[in-house]
């Protein structure tokens, strides 16, 4: 999954996007008022931790006992479950069953992080994570009936759990900056209507929705911030166009599958002209534009992978960036009032595509050599024992 960031154009203020023109935004009145992450235990996905068993064994084969033991600690950390194809809908059932088991055993309320990611003509600016639906092949109806409908039904049937759902990474960000790409321009209406449909379909009190808001290096430029807020407001207007009960979202997810630090220890040279030079600053920069559009200014920030200082020369380097490390352990202690939680949305070790790191496999495939370097370079909080 990626985006064509057009960094030079954005830095100079030369925009390629247009503000949606389909009527005045009419965002919902109903919003979530309580941080859903507080007082709950984030779900640990056994599918991901099972893959780390290979990493553990590989460290032992290298006689690296230190990082083998640290891998066992990483296996205790929550990651989101990605649902990006019809064949992966069963992952929801597996996550629900496991979360219920843990919740019953521990007596502690679970919050399950999920990603909903299967729009028609997905990943319009790159294709590394192109999806299974095509708009010219009845893709939108299939998306609604075969993907979103069963997705929603599964969550509706589990009111004993809490869910945090990230909606369609990269999609709306592409509509803010990449409408010069024919596939993105052609997919614009389907992206807006698809995300709006997902919002409308997931209106349950135990489900908290976060629209993907790209990251600070993409939408965080001063000229892009109001355009992003307008795009998000347009999607909420579409979701509410049926005139029924107002549709609510909790907020927005940033840095999904990217490498930006939440609090940068070193300010990289390529961030010089941006106030959104790390993800905390991006959330703070975007928040007033969201509020002005009538949208909730609440964020979760993906810190599953964070690049080390000097690892890249521009924000546009997005694929299997190295050297990188696992980011801060998921927490609600963010020191930023608009940020609900730091989370690990992209599971470390799953490749971004056949690019970046030498020998990287296709997008989503397991890359054990890469997760090994993430573990070696991890934020110190990852190995703090509780």
Protein backbone atom coordinates (compact mmCIF):
# COMPACT_ATOMS: atom_id res chain seq x y z
CA UNK A 1 0.00 0.00 0.00
CA UNK A 2 1.41 3.42 -0.90
CA UNK A 3 0.72 6.87 -2.28
CA UNK A 4 2.41 9.17 -4.73
CA UNK A 5 3.12 12.02 -2.37
CA UNK A 6 4.22 14.63 -4.92
CA UNK A 7 6.38 16.13 -2.21
CA UNK A 8 7.99 18.81 -4.31
CA UNK A 9 4.66 20.09 -5.55
CA UNK A 10 3.13 20.04 -2.11
CA UNK A 11 6.05 21.86 -0.55
CA UNK A 12 5.77 24.62 -3.11
CA UNK A 13 2.00 24.85 -2.74
CA UNK A 14 1.29 23.56 -6.23
CA UNK A 15 -1.83 21.49 -5.67
CA UNK A 16 -3.28 18.78 -7.88
CA UNK A 17 -6.49 18.19 -5.98
CA UNK A 18 -9.89 19.79 -6.01
CA UNK A 19 -12.21 20.32 -3.07
CA UNK A 20 -15.34 18.15 -3.41
CA UNK A 21 -18.22 20.08 -4.90
CA UNK A 22 -21.18 17.80 -4.20
CA UNK A 23 -23.00 20.16 -1.90
CA UNK A 24 -22.36 21.67 1.49
CA UNK A 25 -20.96 19.17 4.00
CA UNK A 26 -23.45 18.02 6.60
CA UNK A 27 -21.41 16.08 9.16
CA UNK A 28 -23.12 14.11 11.91
CA UNK A 29 -24.30 15.58 15.19
CA UNK A 30 -23.66 12.32 17.06
CA UNK A 31 -20.03 11.70 18.00
CA UNK A 32 -18.25 9.38 20.37
CA UNK A 33 -17.45 11.31 23.54
CA UNK A 34 -15.27 8.84 25.43
CA UNK A 35 -11.88 7.49 24.41
CA UNK A 36 -12.73 3.83 23.66
CA UNK A 37 -9.18 2.67 24.39
CA UNK A 38 -9.13 3.74 28.02
CA UNK A 39 -9.71 0.91 30.48
CA UNK A 40 -9.52 -1.84 27.85
CA UNK A 41 -6.86 -4.35 26.84
CA UNK A 42 -5.88 -4.20 23.14
CA UNK A 43 -6.33 -7.51 21.35
CA UNK A 44 -3.21 -9.58 20.65
CA UNK A 45 -3.60 -11.32 17.30
CA UNK A 46 -2.44 -14.96 17.52
CA UNK A 47 -2.10 -15.17 13.74
CA UNK A 48 0.67 -12.55 13.88
CA UNK A 49 2.30 -13.85 17.04
CA UNK A 50 2.40 -17.32 15.48
CA UNK A 51 4.58 -15.97 12.68
CA UNK A 52 6.95 -14.56 15.26
CA UNK A 53 7.67 -18.10 16.41
CA UNK A 54 9.74 -18.45 13.25
CA UNK A 55 11.59 -15.25 14.12
CA UNK A 56 12.30 -16.58 17.61
CA UNK A 57 13.76 -19.80 16.18
CA UNK A 58 15.84 -17.89 13.61
CA UNK A 59 17.41 -15.76 16.34
CA UNK A 60 18.28 -18.91 18.27
CA UNK A 61 19.88 -20.39 15.15
CA UNK A 62 22.08 -17.29 15.06
CA UNK A 63 22.91 -17.80 18.77
CA UNK A 64 21.25 -14.43 19.41
CA UNK A 65 19.55 -15.28 22.68
CA UNK A 66 19.01 -11.62 23.59
CA UNK A 67 16.75 -10.91 20.62
CA UNK A 68 15.13 -14.32 20.79
CA UNK A 69 13.96 -13.43 24.30
CA UNK A 70 12.88 -9.99 23.13
CA UNK A 71 10.83 -11.63 20.38
CA UNK A 72 8.86 -13.41 23.10
CA UNK A 73 8.03 -9.99 24.60
CA UNK A 74 6.97 -8.66 21.19
CA UNK A 75 4.56 -11.59 20.90
CA UNK A 76 2.57 -10.12 23.78
CA UNK A 77 1.84 -6.83 21.97
CA UNK A 78 -1.39 -5.92 20.19
CA UNK A 79 -1.63 -5.48 16.43
CA UNK A 80 -4.61 -4.82 14.17
CA UNK A 81 -6.21 -7.56 12.09
CA UNK A 82 -6.35 -6.70 8.38
CA UNK A 83 -9.41 -7.74 6.38
CA UNK A 84 -8.51 -6.93 2.79
CA UNK A 85 -10.09 -9.71 0.72
CA UNK A 86 -13.26 -11.78 0.80
CA UNK A 87 -11.21 -14.80 1.84
CA UNK A 88 -10.03 -12.89 4.93
CA UNK A 89 -13.47 -12.22 6.39
CA UNK A 90 -13.02 -15.37 8.48
CA UNK A 91 -10.24 -13.54 10.33
CA UNK A 92 -12.99 -11.56 12.06
CA UNK A 93 -14.53 -14.78 13.38
CA UNK A 94 -11.13 -15.96 14.60
CA UNK A 95 -10.41 -12.64 16.32
CA UNK A 96 -13.81 -12.58 18.01
CA UNK A 97 -13.40 -16.13 19.30
CA UNK A 98 -9.93 -15.42 20.69
CA UNK A 99 -10.89 -12.06 22.20
CA UNK A 100 -13.86 -13.67 23.93
CA UNK A 101 -11.63 -16.44 25.27
CA UNK A 102 -9.13 -13.95 26.69
CA UNK A 103 -11.85 -11.68 28.02
CA UNK A 104 -13.51 -14.56 29.85
CA UNK A 105 -10.19 -15.84 31.22
CA UNK A 106 -8.89 -12.48 32.44
CA UNK A 107 -12.10 -10.63 33.21
CA UNK A 108 -10.67 -7.63 31.36
CA UNK A 109 -12.54 -5.94 28.50
CA UNK A 110 -10.92 -6.44 25.09
CA UNK A 111 -10.76 -3.88 22.28
CA UNK A 112 -10.15 -5.50 18.91
CA UNK A 113 -8.41 -3.46 16.21
CA UNK A 114 -9.53 -4.19 12.64
CA UNK A 115 -8.77 -2.71 9.23
CA UNK A 116 -11.45 -2.61 6.53
CA UNK A 117 -9.55 -2.44 3.24
CA UNK A 118 -11.06 -3.65 -0.03
CA UNK A 119 -12.43 -0.76 -2.08
CA UNK A 120 -12.88 -1.26 -5.82
CA UNK A 121 -9.85 0.06 -7.75
CA UNK A 122 -7.89 0.08 -4.48
CA UNK A 123 -4.42 1.62 -4.25
CA UNK A 124 -5.01 3.76 -7.32
CA UNK A 125 -1.67 5.58 -7.16
CA UNK A 126 0.63 2.58 -6.96
CA UNK A 127 -0.79 -0.91 -7.31
CA UNK A 128 1.46 -2.71 -4.82
CA UNK A 129 -1.71 -3.52 -2.86
CA UNK A 130 -4.29 -3.55 -5.63
CA UNK A 131 -7.49 -5.25 -4.50
CA UNK A 132 -9.83 -7.87 -5.90
CA UNK A 133 -12.70 -5.59 -6.98
CA UNK A 134 -12.79 -3.54 -10.17
CA UNK A 135 -15.40 -0.86 -10.67
CA UNK A 136 -16.05 -1.85 -14.29
CA UNK A 137 -16.82 -5.41 -13.15
CA UNK A 138 -19.65 -4.62 -10.72
CA UNK A 139 -17.05 -4.01 -8.05
CA UNK A 140 -19.00 -1.47 -6.03
CA UNK A 141 -22.06 -3.68 -5.56
CA UNK A 142 -19.85 -6.63 -4.69
CA UNK A 143 -17.97 -4.47 -2.18
CA UNK A 144 -21.22 -3.53 -0.47
CA UNK A 145 -22.95 -6.91 -0.54
CA UNK A 146 -20.12 -9.44 -0.33
CA UNK A 147 -17.61 -7.55 1.81
CA UNK A 148 -19.04 -4.74 3.93
CA UNK A 149 -22.36 -6.45 4.70
CA UNK A 150 -20.88 -9.64 6.23
CA UNK A 151 -18.14 -7.58 7.89
CA UNK A 152 -20.80 -5.50 9.65
CA UNK A 153 -22.92 -8.52 10.51
CA UNK A 154 -20.01 -10.21 12.27
CA UNK A 155 -19.30 -7.16 14.41
CA UNK A 156 -22.98 -6.63 15.17
CA UNK A 157 -23.15 -10.16 16.55
CA UNK A 158 -20.36 -9.46 19.09
CA UNK A 159 -21.67 -6.64 21.31
CA UNK A 160 -19.74 -8.10 24.26
CA UNK A 161 -16.51 -6.85 22.65
CA UNK A 162 -15.30 -3.39 21.66
CA UNK A 163 -13.97 -2.79 18.14
CA UNK A 164 -11.81 -0.05 16.62
CA UNK A 165 -12.03 -0.12 12.82
CA UNK A 166 -9.73 1.76 10.45
CA UNK A 167 -11.51 2.50 7.18
CA UNK A 168 -9.80 2.11 3.81
CA UNK A 169 -6.16 3.21 4.16
CA UNK A 170 -4.88 5.61 1.48
CA UNK A 171 -8.23 6.01 -0.28
CA UNK A 172 -9.29 9.54 0.64
CA UNK A 173 -5.71 10.77 0.80
CA UNK A 174 -5.41 9.94 -2.88
CA UNK A 175 -8.44 12.11 -3.59
CA UNK A 176 -6.78 15.08 -1.89
CA UNK A 177 -3.51 14.99 -3.84
CA UNK A 178 -3.58 12.45 -6.66
CA UNK A 179 -6.52 13.26 -8.89
CA UNK A 180 -4.01 13.88 -11.68
CA UNK A 181 -3.63 10.09 -11.85
CA UNK A 182 -6.38 8.75 -14.14
CA UNK A 183 -7.18 5.69 -12.03
CA UNK A 184 -7.58 7.86 -8.92
CA UNK A 185 -9.76 10.39 -10.74
CA UNK A 186 -11.92 7.58 -12.08
CA UNK A 187 -12.24 5.99 -8.65
CA UNK A 188 -13.07 9.19 -6.76
CA UNK A 189 -16.84 8.74 -6.50
CA UNK A 190 -16.55 5.07 -5.62
CA UNK A 191 -13.99 5.83 -2.91
CA UNK A 192 -16.22 8.47 -1.31
CA UNK A 193 -19.38 6.42 -1.59
CA UNK A 194 -17.61 3.25 -0.47
CA UNK A 195 -16.19 4.77 2.70
CA UNK A 196 -19.55 6.44 3.37
CA UNK A 197 -21.30 3.09 2.96
CA UNK A 198 -18.89 1.44 5.39
CA UNK A 199 -19.56 4.20 7.93
CA UNK A 200 -23.32 3.79 7.56
CA UNK A 201 -23.08 0.01 7.87
CA UNK A 202 -21.04 0.01 11.09
CA UNK A 203 -23.17 2.20 13.32
CA UNK A 204 -23.01 0.19 16.54
CA UNK A 205 -22.28 1.48 20.01
CA UNK A 206 -19.46 -1.04 20.50
CA UNK A 207 -17.79 -0.16 17.17
CA UNK A 208 -15.57 2.92 16.90
CA UNK A 209 -14.67 4.12 13.43
CA UNK A 210 -11.46 5.88 12.40
CA UNK A 211 -11.22 7.17 8.82
CA UNK A 212 -7.72 6.86 7.41
CA UNK A 213 -6.10 10.32 7.21
CA UNK A 214 -2.79 9.36 5.54
CA UNK A 215 0.16 10.91 7.40
CA UNK A 216 1.93 14.17 8.05
CA UNK A 217 4.23 13.91 5.07
CA UNK A 218 1.26 13.53 2.74
CA UNK A 219 -1.66 15.62 3.98
CA UNK A 220 0.13 17.61 6.67
CA UNK A 221 1.26 20.48 4.44
CA UNK A 222 -0.52 23.74 5.26
CA UNK A 223 -2.25 23.87 1.87
CA UNK A 224 -3.43 20.27 2.15
CA UNK A 225 -4.94 20.44 5.64
CA UNK A 226 -8.19 22.24 4.72
CA UNK A 227 -8.55 20.14 1.57
CA UNK A 228 -8.28 16.98 3.64
CA UNK A 229 -10.89 18.18 6.13
CA UNK A 230 -13.23 19.09 3.27
CA UNK A 231 -12.80 15.65 1.70
CA UNK A 232 -13.57 13.90 4.97
CA UNK A 233 -16.60 16.14 5.55
CA UNK A 234 -17.90 15.30 2.09
CA UNK A 235 -17.77 11.59 2.90
CA UNK A 236 -19.67 12.17 6.14
CA UNK A 237 -22.22 14.23 4.19
CA UNK A 238 -22.76 11.28 1.84
CA UNK A 239 -23.08 8.89 4.78
CA UNK A 240 -25.77 11.14 6.24
CA UNK A 241 -27.58 11.87 2.99
CA UNK A 242 -30.38 9.38 3.75
CA UNK A 243 -31.73 11.72 6.43
CA UNK A 244 -32.00 9.03 9.11
CA UNK A 245 -30.18 8.85 12.45
CA UNK A 246 -26.91 10.83 12.25
CA UNK A 247 -23.92 8.63 11.51
CA UNK A 248 -21.00 8.89 13.90
CA UNK A 249 -17.29 8.28 13.69
CA UNK A 250 -14.76 8.42 16.49
CA UNK A 251 -12.08 10.12 14.44
CA UNK A 252 -9.10 9.44 12.20
CA UNK A 253 -6.12 7.10 11.88
CA UNK A 254 -2.74 8.37 10.73
CA UNK A 255 0.56 6.88 9.59
CA UNK A 256 -1.04 3.54 8.69
CA UNK A 257 1.70 1.31 7.23
CA UNK A 258 4.13 4.21 7.22
CA UNK A 259 7.25 4.96 9.25
CA UNK A 260 6.82 8.44 10.72
CA UNK A 261 7.65 8.83 14.42
CA UNK A 262 4.97 10.17 16.75
CA UNK A 263 7.53 12.36 18.52
CA UNK A 264 10.58 12.73 16.32
CA UNK A 265 13.86 12.72 18.21
CA UNK A 266 15.57 14.17 15.15
CA UNK A 267 13.89 16.51 12.70
CA UNK A 268 14.71 15.24 9.20
CA UNK A 269 15.85 17.74 6.57
CA UNK A 270 12.96 16.92 4.24
CA UNK A 271 10.44 18.10 6.87
CA UNK A 272 11.84 21.62 6.92
CA UNK A 273 8.86 23.33 5.29
CA UNK A 274 6.13 21.42 7.10
CA UNK A 275 4.55 22.04 10.49
CA UNK A 276 3.55 18.36 10.49
CA UNK A 277 7.10 17.11 10.86
CA UNK A 278 6.06 14.22 13.06
CA UNK A 279 2.68 12.56 13.64
CA UNK A 280 1.93 14.35 16.90
CA UNK A 281 2.37 17.66 15.13
CA UNK A 282 0.28 16.41 12.21
CA UNK A 283 -2.63 15.53 14.49
CA UNK A 284 -2.34 18.93 16.19
CA UNK A 285 -2.21 20.69 12.79
CA UNK A 286 -5.18 18.84 11.30
CA UNK A 287 -7.43 19.00 14.38
CA UNK A 288 -8.66 22.62 14.01
CA UNK A 289 -9.53 22.06 10.35
CA UNK A 290 -11.57 19.00 11.28
CA UNK A 291 -13.36 20.88 14.02
CA UNK A 292 -14.12 23.75 11.67
CA UNK A 293 -15.74 21.22 9.33
CA UNK A 294 -17.83 19.80 12.18
CA UNK A 295 -15.79 16.61 12.47
CA UNK A 296 -14.41 14.94 15.60
CA UNK A 297 -10.72 15.66 16.14
CA UNK A 298 -9.66 12.34 17.68
CA UNK A 299 -6.78 10.24 16.37
CA UNK A 300 -5.05 6.93 16.63
CA UNK A 301 -1.49 6.81 15.28
CA UNK A 302 0.21 3.74 13.85
CA UNK A 303 3.63 3.23 15.43
CA UNK A 304 4.12 -0.39 14.44
CA UNK A 305 7.23 0.60 12.49
CA UNK A 306 9.29 3.77 12.82
CA UNK A 307 12.30 4.66 10.69
CA UNK A 308 15.59 5.45 12.33
CA UNK A 309 17.02 8.95 11.79
CA UNK A 310 18.56 9.29 8.33
CA UNK A 311 16.91 6.14 6.97
CA UNK A 312 15.29 7.97 4.08
CA UNK A 313 15.82 11.12 2.08
CA UNK A 314 12.17 12.04 1.57
CA UNK A 315 8.71 11.17 2.81
CA UNK A 316 8.02 9.51 -0.52
CA UNK A 317 10.21 6.54 0.46
CA UNK A 318 7.46 4.35 1.86
CA UNK A 319 8.36 0.74 1.06
CA UNK A 320 10.13 -1.54 3.57
CA UNK A 321 12.20 1.37 4.85
CA UNK A 322 15.45 0.43 6.57
CA UNK A 323 16.83 0.81 9.08
CA UNK A 324 13.60 0.92 11.05
CA UNK A 325 12.43 -0.44 14.37
CA UNK A 326 9.24 -1.36 16.16
CA UNK A 327 7.76 1.87 17.48
CA UNK A 328 6.55 2.71 20.98
CA UNK A 329 4.44 0.10 22.73
CA UNK A 330 0.69 0.79 22.24
CA UNK A 331 -0.55 3.20 24.87
CA UNK A 332 -3.16 5.84 25.69
CA UNK A 333 -0.48 7.98 27.35
CA UNK A 334 0.15 10.16 24.31
CA UNK A 335 0.74 13.62 25.84
CA UNK A 336 -1.50 14.98 23.09
CA UNK A 337 -5.13 15.72 23.93
CA UNK A 338 -6.41 14.91 20.43
CA UNK A 339 -4.67 11.52 20.21
CA UNK A 340 -6.64 8.61 21.69
CA UNK A 341 -3.84 6.08 21.46
CA UNK A 342 -0.64 4.97 19.84
CA UNK A 343 -1.30 1.60 18.20
CA UNK A 344 0.35 -0.95 15.93
CA UNK A 345 -1.92 -1.09 12.88
CA UNK A 346 0.51 -2.51 10.32
CA UNK A 347 1.92 -5.76 11.75
CA UNK A 348 5.71 -5.67 11.63
CA UNK A 349 7.15 -8.32 9.35
CA UNK A 350 4.45 -8.10 6.67
CA UNK A 351 6.06 -6.71 3.53
CA UNK A 352 4.99 -3.46 1.88
CA UNK A 353 5.74 -4.94 -1.53
CA UNK A 354 8.61 -6.04 -3.72
CA UNK A 355 10.49 -2.81 -3.16
CA UNK A 356 12.71 -1.01 -0.70
CA UNK A 357 14.51 -3.64 1.36
CA UNK A 358 16.55 -6.06 -0.81
CA UNK A 359 14.72 -9.31 -1.43
CA UNK A 360 11.41 -8.08 -0.03
CA UNK A 361 8.47 -10.32 -1.05
CA UNK A 362 5.07 -9.26 -2.39
CA UNK A 363 2.84 -6.98 -0.30
CA UNK A 364 1.51 -8.69 2.80
CA UNK A 365 3.88 -11.67 2.65
CA UNK A 366 5.99 -12.48 5.70
CA UNK A 367 9.55 -11.14 5.60
CA UNK A 368 11.42 -12.55 8.57
CA UNK A 369 14.69 -10.78 7.87
CA UNK A 370 12.83 -7.48 8.05
CA UNK A 371 11.07 -8.19 11.35
CA UNK A 372 14.42 -9.19 12.80
CA UNK A 373 15.81 -5.71 12.17
CA UNK A 374 12.61 -4.15 13.55
CA UNK A 375 13.10 -6.12 16.76
CA UNK A 376 16.79 -5.20 16.98
CA UNK A 377 16.00 -1.49 16.52
CA UNK A 378 12.82 -1.37 18.63
CA UNK A 379 11.82 1.54 20.83
CA UNK A 380 12.93 0.86 24.42
CA UNK A 381 9.31 0.83 25.65
CA UNK A 382 8.74 -2.40 23.68
CA UNK A 383 10.91 -4.33 26.11
CA UNK A 384 9.69 -2.75 29.32
CA UNK A 385 8.32 -5.56 31.43
CA UNK A 386 4.91 -5.10 33.01
